[in-house]
Amino acid sequence: MWHQEAAAPVVGVIEPGARRAVAASGQKPIGIIATESTIASRSYYRAIRALEPRAELWERACPLLVPMVEEGRTGDDPLVRAAVAEYLAPIRGRVGSLVLGCTHYPLLKAALAAYMGAEAVLVDSAEEVAGEVAAVLERVGPAGQDGGGAVQCYVTDNPERFRAVGERFLGAPLRDVKLVEPEDFFVQEQPAGR
């Protein structure tokens, strides 16, 4: 969708994953796993309900999975497999699709898929967003014609940990990771008379 303030198309993260979850569920219940804050926001719940009001939804916060990914644990790690089993036991064999509602969870896709089995389609929101971005770029064209670009990352906590995890996601080095203070992103009002 076109965003007036940005003067550019903006693709959200939630809606593409919600669309895929509904399409893949085959009228079976839809599972949603995410961080505690994402589950509390009910973002995926509302987006899926907007598409399919009668959908049966199961939400579960999985707070241990993010630190496991950040520690470099993978889908073949026994702790990861144990956490996945603990979190997903109530829906194993019962859902048609499972939304991976956190950027870290795709790195554990092998463990999630092995536990859930072939009858549950894993919905990687990042893949769905990438597909939508590709469609937008095909429709409106890329912003620049030189084909170049750069990745700049600004983080508010531990740039080296971000770099390590980011490189695992991207499969390429991250050279430009800068630590910033959150207050640097807020415009300070100038006192009157200055």
N, C-alpha and C. Protein backbone atom coordinates (compact mmCIF):
# COMPACT_ATOMS: atom_id res chain seq x y z
N MET A 1 0.84 -1.18 0.00
CA MET A 1 0.00 0.00 0.00
C MET A 1 0.88 1.23 0.00
N TRP A 2 0.40 2.31 -0.58
CA TRP A 2 1.15 3.55 -0.68
C TRP A 2 0.98 4.32 0.62
N HIS A 3 2.07 4.81 1.16
CA HIS A 3 2.05 5.54 2.42
C HIS A 3 2.32 7.01 2.12
N GLN A 4 1.37 7.88 2.44
CA GLN A 4 1.49 9.30 2.10
C GLN A 4 2.69 9.97 2.76
N GLU A 5 2.90 9.73 4.06
CA GLU A 5 3.99 10.40 4.76
C GLU A 5 5.35 9.95 4.26
N ALA A 6 5.47 8.68 3.91
CA ALA A 6 6.74 8.17 3.42
C ALA A 6 6.91 8.42 1.93
N ALA A 7 5.84 8.78 1.25
CA ALA A 7 5.83 8.99 -0.20
C ALA A 7 6.39 7.77 -0.93
N ALA A 8 6.05 6.61 -0.41
CA ALA A 8 6.52 5.36 -0.98
C ALA A 8 5.60 4.23 -0.53
N PRO A 9 5.65 3.13 -1.23
CA PRO A 9 4.86 1.98 -0.76
C PRO A 9 5.43 1.45 0.55
N VAL A 10 4.56 1.05 1.45
CA VAL A 10 4.97 0.47 2.72
C VAL A 10 4.29 -0.89 2.85
N VAL A 11 5.07 -1.91 3.10
CA VAL A 11 4.55 -3.26 3.27
C VAL A 11 4.62 -3.61 4.74
N GLY A 12 3.50 -3.94 5.31
CA GLY A 12 3.46 -4.33 6.71
C GLY A 12 3.97 -5.75 6.90
N VAL A 13 4.21 -6.12 8.14
CA VAL A 13 4.73 -7.44 8.46
C VAL A 13 3.60 -8.42 8.75
N ILE A 14 2.55 -7.99 9.36
CA ILE A 14 1.51 -8.88 9.86
C ILE A 14 0.60 -9.41 8.75
N GLU A 15 0.10 -8.54 7.91
CA GLU A 15 -0.92 -8.92 6.93
C GLU A 15 -0.47 -10.00 5.95
N PRO A 16 0.75 -9.94 5.38
CA PRO A 16 1.15 -11.01 4.46
C PRO A 16 1.16 -12.39 5.13
N GLY A 17 1.65 -12.45 6.36
CA GLY A 17 1.64 -13.73 7.08
C GLY A 17 0.24 -14.20 7.39
N ALA A 18 -0.63 -13.26 7.75
CA ALA A 18 -2.03 -13.61 8.04
C ALA A 18 -2.71 -14.18 6.79
N ARG A 19 -2.49 -13.55 5.65
CA ARG A 19 -3.10 -14.05 4.40
C ARG A 19 -2.64 -15.47 4.09
N ARG A 20 -1.35 -15.71 4.23
CA ARG A 20 -0.81 -17.05 3.95
C ARG A 20 -1.36 -18.08 4.93
N ALA A 21 -1.47 -17.71 6.21
CA ALA A 21 -1.99 -18.63 7.22
C ALA A 21 -3.41 -19.05 6.91
N VAL A 22 -4.24 -18.10 6.52
CA VAL A 22 -5.63 -18.40 6.18
C VAL A 22 -5.69 -19.30 4.95
N ALA A 23 -4.92 -18.95 3.93
CA ALA A 23 -4.93 -19.73 2.69
C ALA A 23 -4.42 -21.15 2.92
N ALA A 24 -3.45 -21.32 3.80
CA ALA A 24 -2.81 -22.62 4.00
C ALA A 24 -3.53 -23.50 5.03
N SER A 25 -4.43 -22.94 5.80
CA SER A 25 -5.01 -23.69 6.91
C SER A 25 -5.96 -24.79 6.47
N GLY A 26 -6.53 -24.67 5.28
CA GLY A 26 -7.46 -25.69 4.82
C GLY A 26 -8.66 -25.85 5.74
N GLN A 27 -9.17 -24.76 6.26
CA GLN A 27 -10.32 -24.74 7.18
C GLN A 27 -10.01 -25.37 8.54
N LYS A 28 -8.75 -25.73 8.77
CA LYS A 28 -8.36 -26.23 10.09
C LYS A 28 -7.97 -25.03 10.95
N PRO A 29 -7.85 -25.21 12.25
CA PRO A 29 -7.42 -24.11 13.13
C PRO A 29 -6.04 -23.59 12.71
N ILE A 30 -5.78 -22.36 13.10
CA ILE A 30 -4.52 -21.68 12.80
C ILE A 30 -3.80 -21.42 14.11
N GLY A 31 -2.52 -21.82 14.16
CA GLY A 31 -1.70 -21.55 15.33
C GLY A 31 -0.83 -20.33 15.10
N ILE A 32 -0.58 -19.60 16.16
CA ILE A 32 0.26 -18.41 16.11
C ILE A 32 1.25 -18.50 17.27
N ILE A 33 2.54 -18.52 16.95
CA ILE A 33 3.55 -18.45 18.01
C ILE A 33 4.35 -17.17 17.79
N ALA A 34 4.68 -16.52 18.89
CA ALA A 34 5.38 -15.23 18.81
C ALA A 34 5.93 -14.89 20.19
N THR A 35 6.53 -13.71 20.26
CA THR A 35 7.01 -13.23 21.55
C THR A 35 5.81 -12.84 22.42
N GLU A 36 6.06 -12.63 23.69
CA GLU A 36 4.98 -12.24 24.60
C GLU A 36 4.33 -10.94 24.16
N SER A 37 5.14 -9.95 23.74
CA SER A 37 4.55 -8.66 23.36
C SER A 37 3.74 -8.77 22.07
N THR A 38 4.18 -9.57 21.13
CA THR A 38 3.41 -9.72 19.89
C THR A 38 2.09 -10.44 20.17
N ILE A 39 2.13 -11.47 20.98
CA ILE A 39 0.88 -12.17 21.34
C ILE A 39 -0.05 -11.21 22.09
N ALA A 40 0.49 -10.44 23.03
CA ALA A 40 -0.33 -9.49 23.79
C ALA A 40 -0.95 -8.43 22.90
N SER A 41 -0.27 -8.07 21.82
CA SER A 41 -0.81 -7.04 20.91
C SER A 41 -2.00 -7.55 20.11
N ARG A 42 -2.12 -8.86 19.97
CA ARG A 42 -3.20 -9.52 19.20
C ARG A 42 -3.18 -9.13 17.72
N SER A 43 -2.03 -8.71 17.21
CA SER A 43 -1.91 -8.25 15.82
C SER A 43 -2.29 -9.34 14.83
N TYR A 44 -1.68 -10.52 14.97
CA TYR A 44 -1.99 -11.61 14.04
C TYR A 44 -3.43 -12.07 14.21
N TYR A 45 -3.89 -12.14 15.45
CA TYR A 45 -5.27 -12.54 15.73
C TYR A 45 -6.25 -11.64 14.96
N ARG A 46 -6.07 -10.32 15.11
CA ARG A 46 -7.00 -9.39 14.45
C ARG A 46 -6.88 -9.47 12.93
N ALA A 47 -5.66 -9.58 12.42
CA ALA A 47 -5.48 -9.63 10.96
C ALA A 47 -6.09 -10.90 10.37
N ILE A 48 -5.93 -12.02 11.06
CA ILE A 48 -6.52 -13.27 10.57
C ILE A 48 -8.04 -13.21 10.67
N ARG A 49 -8.55 -12.71 11.78
CA ARG A 49 -10.01 -12.59 11.95
C ARG A 49 -10.62 -11.66 10.91
N ALA A 50 -9.90 -10.62 10.50
CA ALA A 50 -10.41 -9.71 9.47
C ALA A 50 -10.56 -10.45 8.13
N LEU A 51 -9.68 -11.40 7.89
CA LEU A 51 -9.74 -12.19 6.65
C LEU A 51 -10.72 -13.35 6.74
N GLU A 52 -10.77 -13.98 7.89
CA GLU A 52 -11.62 -15.16 8.11
C GLU A 52 -12.22 -15.10 9.51
N PRO A 53 -13.38 -14.42 9.63
CA PRO A 53 -13.97 -14.20 10.96
C PRO A 53 -14.27 -15.48 11.74
N ARG A 54 -14.47 -16.60 11.06
CA ARG A 54 -14.81 -17.85 11.75
C ARG A 54 -13.59 -18.70 12.08
N ALA A 55 -12.41 -18.21 11.75
CA ALA A 55 -11.20 -19.01 11.98
C ALA A 55 -11.04 -19.33 13.46
N GLU A 56 -10.69 -20.58 13.72
CA GLU A 56 -10.36 -20.98 15.08
C GLU A 56 -8.86 -20.72 15.25
N LEU A 57 -8.51 -19.92 16.26
CA LEU A 57 -7.12 -19.51 16.44
C LEU A 57 -6.58 -19.98 17.79
N TRP A 58 -5.31 -20.33 17.78
CA TRP A 58 -4.60 -20.72 18.98
C TRP A 58 -3.33 -19.88 19.04
N GLU A 59 -3.17 -19.10 20.12
CA GLU A 59 -1.99 -18.24 20.26
C GLU A 59 -1.15 -18.72 21.43
N ARG A 60 0.18 -18.63 21.23
CA ARG A 60 1.08 -19.03 22.31
C ARG A 60 2.36 -18.19 22.26
N ALA A 61 2.67 -17.54 23.38
CA ALA A 61 3.96 -16.87 23.51
C ALA A 61 5.02 -17.94 23.77
N CYS A 62 6.16 -17.79 23.12
CA CYS A 62 7.26 -18.76 23.26
C CYS A 62 8.53 -18.01 23.64
N PRO A 63 8.61 -17.46 24.85
CA PRO A 63 9.70 -16.56 25.22
C PRO A 63 11.09 -17.20 25.25
N LEU A 64 11.21 -18.49 25.40
CA LEU A 64 12.53 -19.11 25.46
C LEU A 64 13.19 -19.24 24.09
N LEU A 65 12.42 -19.18 23.02
CA LEU A 65 13.00 -19.43 21.69
C LEU A 65 13.94 -18.32 21.23
N VAL A 66 13.63 -17.07 21.53
CA VAL A 66 14.49 -15.97 21.08
C VAL A 66 15.89 -16.06 21.71
N PRO A 67 16.01 -16.21 23.03
CA PRO A 67 17.36 -16.32 23.58
C PRO A 67 18.11 -17.55 23.07
N MET A 68 17.39 -18.61 22.78
CA MET A 68 18.06 -19.80 22.23
C MET A 68 18.68 -19.48 20.87
N VAL A 69 17.94 -18.79 20.03
CA VAL A 69 18.47 -18.39 18.72
C VAL A 69 19.67 -17.46 18.92
N GLU A 70 19.54 -16.51 19.81
CA GLU A 70 20.61 -15.54 20.03
C GLU A 70 21.87 -16.20 20.61
N GLU A 71 21.71 -17.34 21.26
CA GLU A 71 22.86 -18.09 21.76
C GLU A 71 23.46 -18.99 20.69
N GLY A 72 22.86 -18.99 19.50
CA GLY A 72 23.38 -19.79 18.41
C GLY A 72 22.85 -21.21 18.36
N ARG A 73 21.83 -21.51 19.15
CA ARG A 73 21.25 -22.85 19.14
C ARG A 73 20.41 -23.01 17.87
N THR A 74 20.37 -24.22 17.35
CA THR A 74 19.66 -24.49 16.11
C THR A 74 18.60 -25.56 16.33
N GLY A 75 17.93 -25.92 15.26
CA GLY A 75 16.84 -26.88 15.33
C GLY A 75 17.23 -28.27 15.76
N ASP A 76 18.50 -28.62 15.69
CA ASP A 76 18.90 -29.96 16.13
C ASP A 76 19.36 -29.99 17.58
N ASP A 77 19.31 -28.86 18.25
CA ASP A 77 19.71 -28.77 19.66
C ASP A 77 18.62 -29.40 20.54
N PRO A 78 19.01 -30.26 21.50
CA PRO A 78 18.01 -30.90 22.35
C PRO A 78 17.19 -29.92 23.18
N LEU A 79 17.79 -28.81 23.61
CA LEU A 79 17.01 -27.80 24.36
C LEU A 79 15.96 -27.15 23.49
N VAL A 80 16.31 -26.86 22.25
CA VAL A 80 15.34 -26.27 21.32
C VAL A 80 14.20 -27.25 21.09
N ARG A 81 14.54 -28.52 20.84
CA ARG A 81 13.49 -29.52 20.59
C ARG A 81 12.58 -29.67 21.81
N ALA A 82 13.16 -29.61 23.00
CA ALA A 82 12.34 -29.73 24.22
C ALA A 82 11.41 -28.53 24.39
N ALA A 83 11.93 -27.32 24.14
CA ALA A 83 11.09 -26.12 24.25
C ALA A 83 9.97 -26.14 23.21
N VAL A 84 10.30 -26.52 21.99
CA VAL A 84 9.29 -26.60 20.93
C VAL A 84 8.19 -27.59 21.34
N ALA A 85 8.57 -28.74 21.84
CA ALA A 85 7.58 -29.73 22.26
C ALA A 85 6.71 -29.20 23.40
N GLU A 86 7.33 -28.53 24.35
CA GLU A 86 6.58 -27.96 25.48
C GLU A 86 5.56 -26.93 25.01
N TYR A 87 5.99 -26.03 24.15
CA TYR A 87 5.10 -24.97 23.68
C TYR A 87 4.01 -25.47 22.74
N LEU A 88 4.32 -26.43 21.87
CA LEU A 88 3.39 -26.80 20.81
C LEU A 88 2.60 -28.08 21.04
N ALA A 89 2.84 -28.76 22.14
CA ALA A 89 2.11 -30.01 22.42
C ALA A 89 0.59 -29.87 22.30
N PRO A 90 -0.01 -28.77 22.79
CA PRO A 90 -1.48 -28.68 22.72
C PRO A 90 -2.05 -28.62 21.30
N ILE A 91 -1.23 -28.27 20.30
CA ILE A 91 -1.79 -28.13 18.95
C ILE A 91 -1.20 -29.11 17.94
N ARG A 92 -0.31 -29.94 18.38
CA ARG A 92 0.30 -30.89 17.45
C ARG A 92 -0.79 -31.76 16.83
N GLY A 93 -0.81 -31.79 15.49
CA GLY A 93 -1.80 -32.56 14.77
C GLY A 93 -3.18 -31.92 14.67
N ARG A 94 -3.31 -30.69 15.16
CA ARG A 94 -4.63 -30.03 15.20
C ARG A 94 -4.75 -28.80 14.32
N VAL A 95 -3.63 -28.22 13.88
CA VAL A 95 -3.70 -26.98 13.10
C VAL A 95 -3.29 -27.24 11.65
N GLY A 96 -3.86 -26.42 10.77
CA GLY A 96 -3.50 -26.51 9.35
C GLY A 96 -2.33 -25.63 9.00
N SER A 97 -2.15 -24.55 9.78
CA SER A 97 -1.01 -23.66 9.57
C SER A 97 -0.54 -23.12 10.90
N LEU A 98 0.75 -22.77 10.93
CA LEU A 98 1.35 -22.22 12.15
C LEU A 98 2.16 -21.00 11.76
N VAL A 99 1.74 -19.84 12.25
CA VAL A 99 2.42 -18.58 11.96
C VAL A 99 3.64 -18.45 12.87
N LEU A 100 4.81 -18.26 12.24
CA LEU A 100 6.03 -17.98 12.99
C LEU A 100 6.10 -16.47 13.14
N GLY A 101 5.52 -15.97 14.22
CA GLY A 101 5.31 -14.54 14.39
C GLY A 101 6.46 -13.79 15.03
N CYS A 102 7.68 -14.26 14.84
CA CYS A 102 8.86 -13.59 15.37
C CYS A 102 9.99 -13.76 14.36
N THR A 103 10.78 -12.73 14.20
CA THR A 103 11.87 -12.77 13.22
C THR A 103 12.90 -13.85 13.52
N HIS A 104 13.01 -14.28 14.77
CA HIS A 104 13.99 -15.30 15.15
C HIS A 104 13.54 -16.72 14.81
N TYR A 105 12.24 -16.97 14.79
CA TYR A 105 11.73 -18.33 14.71
C TYR A 105 12.08 -19.08 13.42
N PRO A 106 12.22 -18.41 12.28
CA PRO A 106 12.61 -19.17 11.08
C PRO A 106 13.95 -19.90 11.23
N LEU A 107 14.81 -19.43 12.10
CA LEU A 107 16.07 -20.13 12.31
C LEU A 107 15.87 -21.47 13.04
N LEU A 108 14.67 -21.66 13.56
CA LEU A 108 14.34 -22.92 14.23
C LEU A 108 13.31 -23.72 13.43
N LYS A 109 13.15 -23.34 12.17
CA LYS A 109 12.12 -23.94 11.33
C LYS A 109 12.24 -25.47 11.26
N ALA A 110 13.45 -25.99 11.21
CA ALA A 110 13.63 -27.45 11.12
C ALA A 110 13.02 -28.14 12.33
N ALA A 111 13.26 -27.62 13.52
CA ALA A 111 12.71 -28.23 14.74
C ALA A 111 11.19 -28.08 14.78
N LEU A 112 10.70 -26.92 14.39
CA LEU A 112 9.26 -26.68 14.38
C LEU A 112 8.56 -27.60 13.39
N ALA A 113 9.11 -27.72 12.18
CA ALA A 113 8.51 -28.58 11.16
C ALA A 113 8.55 -30.04 11.58
N ALA A 114 9.67 -30.47 12.14
CA ALA A 114 9.79 -31.86 12.57
C ALA A 114 8.76 -32.19 13.65
N TYR A 115 8.55 -31.26 14.56
CA TYR A 115 7.60 -31.52 15.64
C TYR A 115 6.16 -31.46 15.14
N MET A 116 5.83 -30.47 14.32
CA MET A 116 4.45 -30.28 13.88
C MET A 116 4.02 -31.29 12.81
N GLY A 117 4.96 -31.78 12.03
CA GLY A 117 4.62 -32.75 10.99
C GLY A 117 4.15 -32.07 9.71
N ALA A 118 3.97 -32.89 8.69
CA ALA A 118 3.65 -32.38 7.35
C ALA A 118 2.26 -31.77 7.25
N GLU A 119 1.35 -32.10 8.15
CA GLU A 119 -0.02 -31.58 8.04
C GLU A 119 -0.14 -30.11 8.44
N ALA A 120 0.88 -29.53 9.07
CA ALA A 120 0.85 -28.11 9.45
C ALA A 120 1.82 -27.33 8.57
N VAL A 121 1.30 -26.36 7.85
CA VAL A 121 2.13 -25.49 7.01
C VAL A 121 2.73 -24.41 7.91
N LEU A 122 4.06 -24.30 7.92
CA LEU A 122 4.71 -23.23 8.68
C LEU A 122 4.69 -21.96 7.85
N VAL A 123 4.20 -20.89 8.43
CA VAL A 123 4.10 -19.61 7.75
C VAL A 123 5.19 -18.70 8.28
N ASP A 124 6.19 -18.48 7.45
CA ASP A 124 7.31 -17.59 7.77
C ASP A 124 6.91 -16.20 7.29
N SER A 125 6.57 -15.32 8.23
CA SER A 125 6.11 -13.98 7.86
C SER A 125 7.15 -13.24 7.03
N ALA A 126 8.42 -13.45 7.32
CA ALA A 126 9.47 -12.77 6.55
C ALA A 126 9.43 -13.18 5.08
N GLU A 127 9.22 -14.46 4.81
CA GLU A 127 9.11 -14.91 3.42
C GLU A 127 7.90 -14.28 2.74
N GLU A 128 6.80 -14.19 3.46
CA GLU A 128 5.58 -13.61 2.89
C GLU A 128 5.77 -12.11 2.61
N VAL A 129 6.45 -11.41 3.52
CA VAL A 129 6.73 -9.99 3.32
C VAL A 129 7.65 -9.81 2.10
N ALA A 130 8.67 -10.64 2.00
CA ALA A 130 9.60 -10.56 0.86
C ALA A 130 8.85 -10.75 -0.45
N GLY A 131 7.93 -11.70 -0.48
CA GLY A 131 7.13 -11.91 -1.69
C GLY A 131 6.28 -10.70 -2.02
N GLU A 132 5.71 -10.09 -1.01
CA GLU A 132 4.89 -8.91 -1.25
C GLU A 132 5.74 -7.73 -1.71
N VAL A 133 6.92 -7.55 -1.12
CA VAL A 133 7.83 -6.48 -1.54
C VAL A 133 8.22 -6.68 -3.01
N ALA A 134 8.53 -7.92 -3.38
CA ALA A 134 8.88 -8.21 -4.77
C ALA A 134 7.72 -7.84 -5.71
N ALA A 135 6.50 -8.15 -5.30
CA ALA A 135 5.34 -7.81 -6.13
C ALA A 135 5.17 -6.29 -6.25
N VAL A 136 5.38 -5.57 -5.15
CA VAL A 136 5.29 -4.10 -5.18
C VAL A 136 6.36 -3.53 -6.10
N LEU A 137 7.59 -4.02 -5.98
CA LEU A 137 8.68 -3.52 -6.82
C LEU A 137 8.42 -3.83 -8.30
N GLU A 138 7.83 -4.96 -8.57
CA GLU A 138 7.49 -5.30 -9.95
C GLU A 138 6.43 -4.34 -10.49
N ARG A 139 5.50 -3.96 -9.63
CA ARG A 139 4.40 -3.08 -10.03
C ARG A 139 4.85 -1.63 -10.17
N VAL A 140 5.62 -1.11 -9.18
CA VAL A 140 5.97 0.31 -9.19
C VAL A 140 7.41 0.58 -9.61
N GLY A 141 8.23 -0.46 -9.67
CA GLY A 141 9.62 -0.29 -10.05
C GLY A 141 10.48 0.06 -8.85
N PRO A 142 11.77 -0.23 -8.95
CA PRO A 142 12.69 0.08 -7.84
C PRO A 142 12.90 1.59 -7.73
N ALA A 143 13.29 2.03 -6.54
CA ALA A 143 13.49 3.45 -6.29
C ALA A 143 14.68 4.00 -7.06
N GLY A 144 15.74 3.28 -7.13
CA GLY A 144 16.94 3.75 -7.82
C GLY A 144 17.24 2.86 -9.00
N GLN A 145 17.95 3.38 -9.95
CA GLN A 145 18.23 2.61 -11.14
C GLN A 145 19.65 2.07 -11.17
N ASP A 146 20.47 2.39 -10.16
CA ASP A 146 21.86 1.95 -10.19
C ASP A 146 22.05 0.51 -9.70
N GLY A 147 20.98 -0.08 -9.15
CA GLY A 147 21.06 -1.46 -8.69
C GLY A 147 21.83 -1.64 -7.40
N GLY A 148 22.35 -0.59 -6.84
CA GLY A 148 23.13 -0.70 -5.61
C GLY A 148 22.29 -0.41 -4.39
N GLY A 149 22.87 -0.60 -3.29
CA GLY A 149 22.22 -0.31 -2.03
C GLY A 149 23.14 -0.70 -0.90
N ALA A 150 22.78 -0.33 0.29
CA ALA A 150 23.60 -0.64 1.44
C ALA A 150 22.69 -0.97 2.61
N VAL A 151 23.17 -1.81 3.49
CA VAL A 151 22.45 -2.14 4.70
C VAL A 151 23.10 -1.40 5.85
N GLN A 152 22.31 -0.59 6.53
CA GLN A 152 22.77 0.09 7.73
C GLN A 152 21.84 -0.32 8.86
N CYS A 153 22.41 -0.75 9.95
CA CYS A 153 21.62 -1.21 11.09
C CYS A 153 21.90 -0.32 12.29
N TYR A 154 20.84 0.11 12.94
CA TYR A 154 20.95 0.92 14.14
C TYR A 154 20.28 0.13 15.26
N VAL A 155 21.02 -0.13 16.33
CA VAL A 155 20.50 -0.96 17.41
C VAL A 155 20.63 -0.23 18.74
N THR A 156 19.77 -0.60 19.67
CA THR A 156 19.81 0.02 20.99
C THR A 156 20.43 -0.90 22.03
N ASP A 157 20.89 -2.08 21.59
CA ASP A 157 21.48 -3.03 22.54
C ASP A 157 22.45 -3.94 21.81
N ASN A 158 23.59 -4.13 22.34
CA ASN A 158 24.61 -5.09 21.94
C ASN A 158 24.78 -5.27 20.42
N PRO A 159 25.52 -4.38 19.80
CA PRO A 159 25.72 -4.47 18.35
C PRO A 159 26.39 -5.77 17.89
N GLU A 160 27.28 -6.32 18.70
CA GLU A 160 27.96 -7.56 18.28
C GLU A 160 27.01 -8.75 18.26
N ARG A 161 26.12 -8.84 19.23
CA ARG A 161 25.13 -9.92 19.22
C ARG A 161 24.20 -9.74 18.03
N PHE A 162 23.77 -8.49 17.78
CA PHE A 162 22.91 -8.23 16.62
C PHE A 162 23.63 -8.63 15.33
N ARG A 163 24.90 -8.26 15.24
CA ARG A 163 25.68 -8.58 14.04
C ARG A 163 25.72 -10.10 13.83
N ALA A 164 26.00 -10.85 14.90
CA ALA A 164 26.11 -12.31 14.79
C ALA A 164 24.79 -12.94 14.35
N VAL A 165 23.69 -12.53 14.99
CA VAL A 165 22.38 -13.08 14.63
C VAL A 165 21.98 -12.61 13.23
N GLY A 166 22.20 -11.33 12.93
CA GLY A 166 21.86 -10.80 11.61
C GLY A 166 22.59 -11.49 10.48
N GLU A 167 23.85 -11.79 10.70
CA GLU A 167 24.63 -12.49 9.67
C GLU A 167 24.10 -13.90 9.45
N ARG A 168 23.61 -14.53 10.51
CA ARG A 168 23.00 -15.87 10.34
C ARG A 168 21.75 -15.77 9.49
N PHE A 169 20.94 -14.73 9.70
CA PHE A 169 19.72 -14.54 8.91
C PHE A 169 20.05 -14.25 7.45
N LEU A 170 20.97 -13.32 7.24
CA LEU A 170 21.25 -12.84 5.89
C LEU A 170 22.22 -13.73 5.11
N GLY A 171 23.00 -14.51 5.83
CA GLY A 171 24.01 -15.32 5.17
C GLY A 171 25.10 -14.48 4.54
N ALA A 172 25.30 -13.29 5.07
CA ALA A 172 26.32 -12.36 4.56
C ALA A 172 26.78 -11.48 5.71
N PRO A 173 27.97 -10.91 5.58
CA PRO A 173 28.47 -10.05 6.66
C PRO A 173 27.65 -8.76 6.81
N LEU A 174 27.51 -8.32 8.04
CA LEU A 174 26.92 -7.01 8.34
C LEU A 174 28.06 -6.11 8.81
N ARG A 175 28.37 -5.12 8.03
CA ARG A 175 29.52 -4.26 8.36
C ARG A 175 29.12 -3.00 9.11
N ASP A 176 27.92 -2.51 8.87
CA ASP A 176 27.53 -1.21 9.39
C ASP A 176 26.45 -1.37 10.46
N VAL A 177 26.86 -1.71 11.69
CA VAL A 177 25.95 -1.84 12.82
C VAL A 177 26.36 -0.81 13.86
N LYS A 178 25.45 0.10 14.16
CA LYS A 178 25.77 1.20 15.07
C LYS A 178 24.87 1.19 16.28
N LEU A 179 25.48 1.37 17.44
CA LEU A 179 24.75 1.51 18.69
C LEU A 179 24.24 2.93 18.80
N VAL A 180 22.95 3.08 19.09
CA VAL A 180 22.35 4.40 19.27
C VAL A 180 21.51 4.38 20.54
N GLU A 181 21.28 5.54 21.07
CA GLU A 181 20.42 5.68 22.23
C GLU A 181 18.99 5.91 21.74
N PRO A 182 18.01 5.26 22.35
CA PRO A 182 16.62 5.43 21.87
C PRO A 182 16.18 6.88 21.82
N GLU A 183 16.63 7.69 22.79
CA GLU A 183 16.20 9.09 22.80
C GLU A 183 16.73 9.87 21.60
N ASP A 184 17.75 9.35 20.92
CA ASP A 184 18.26 10.02 19.72
C ASP A 184 17.24 10.03 18.58
N PHE A 185 16.22 9.18 18.68
CA PHE A 185 15.22 9.11 17.62
C PHE A 185 14.04 10.02 17.85
N PHE A 186 14.02 10.70 18.98
CA PHE A 186 12.92 11.60 19.28
C PHE A 186 13.36 13.03 19.05
N VAL A 187 12.51 13.79 18.39
CA VAL A 187 12.82 15.21 18.14
C VAL A 187 12.55 15.98 19.42
N GLN A 188 13.57 16.67 19.86
CA GLN A 188 13.43 17.47 21.06
C GLN A 188 12.86 18.84 20.66
N GLU A 189 11.84 19.29 21.38
CA GLU A 189 11.29 20.61 21.10
C GLU A 189 12.23 21.66 21.67
N GLN A 190 12.45 22.70 20.90
CA GLN A 190 13.28 23.79 21.35
C GLN A 190 12.46 24.74 22.21
N PRO A 191 13.02 25.21 23.31
CA PRO A 191 12.28 26.18 24.14
C PRO A 191 11.97 27.44 23.32
N ALA A 192 10.85 28.06 23.66
CA ALA A 192 10.44 29.30 22.96
C ALA A 192 11.52 30.35 23.10
N GLY A 193 11.73 31.13 22.07
CA GLY A 193 12.70 32.22 22.10
C GLY A 193 14.07 31.80 21.61
N ARG A 194 14.27 30.60 21.19
CA ARG A 194 15.60 30.17 20.70
C ARG A 194 15.60 30.04 19.23
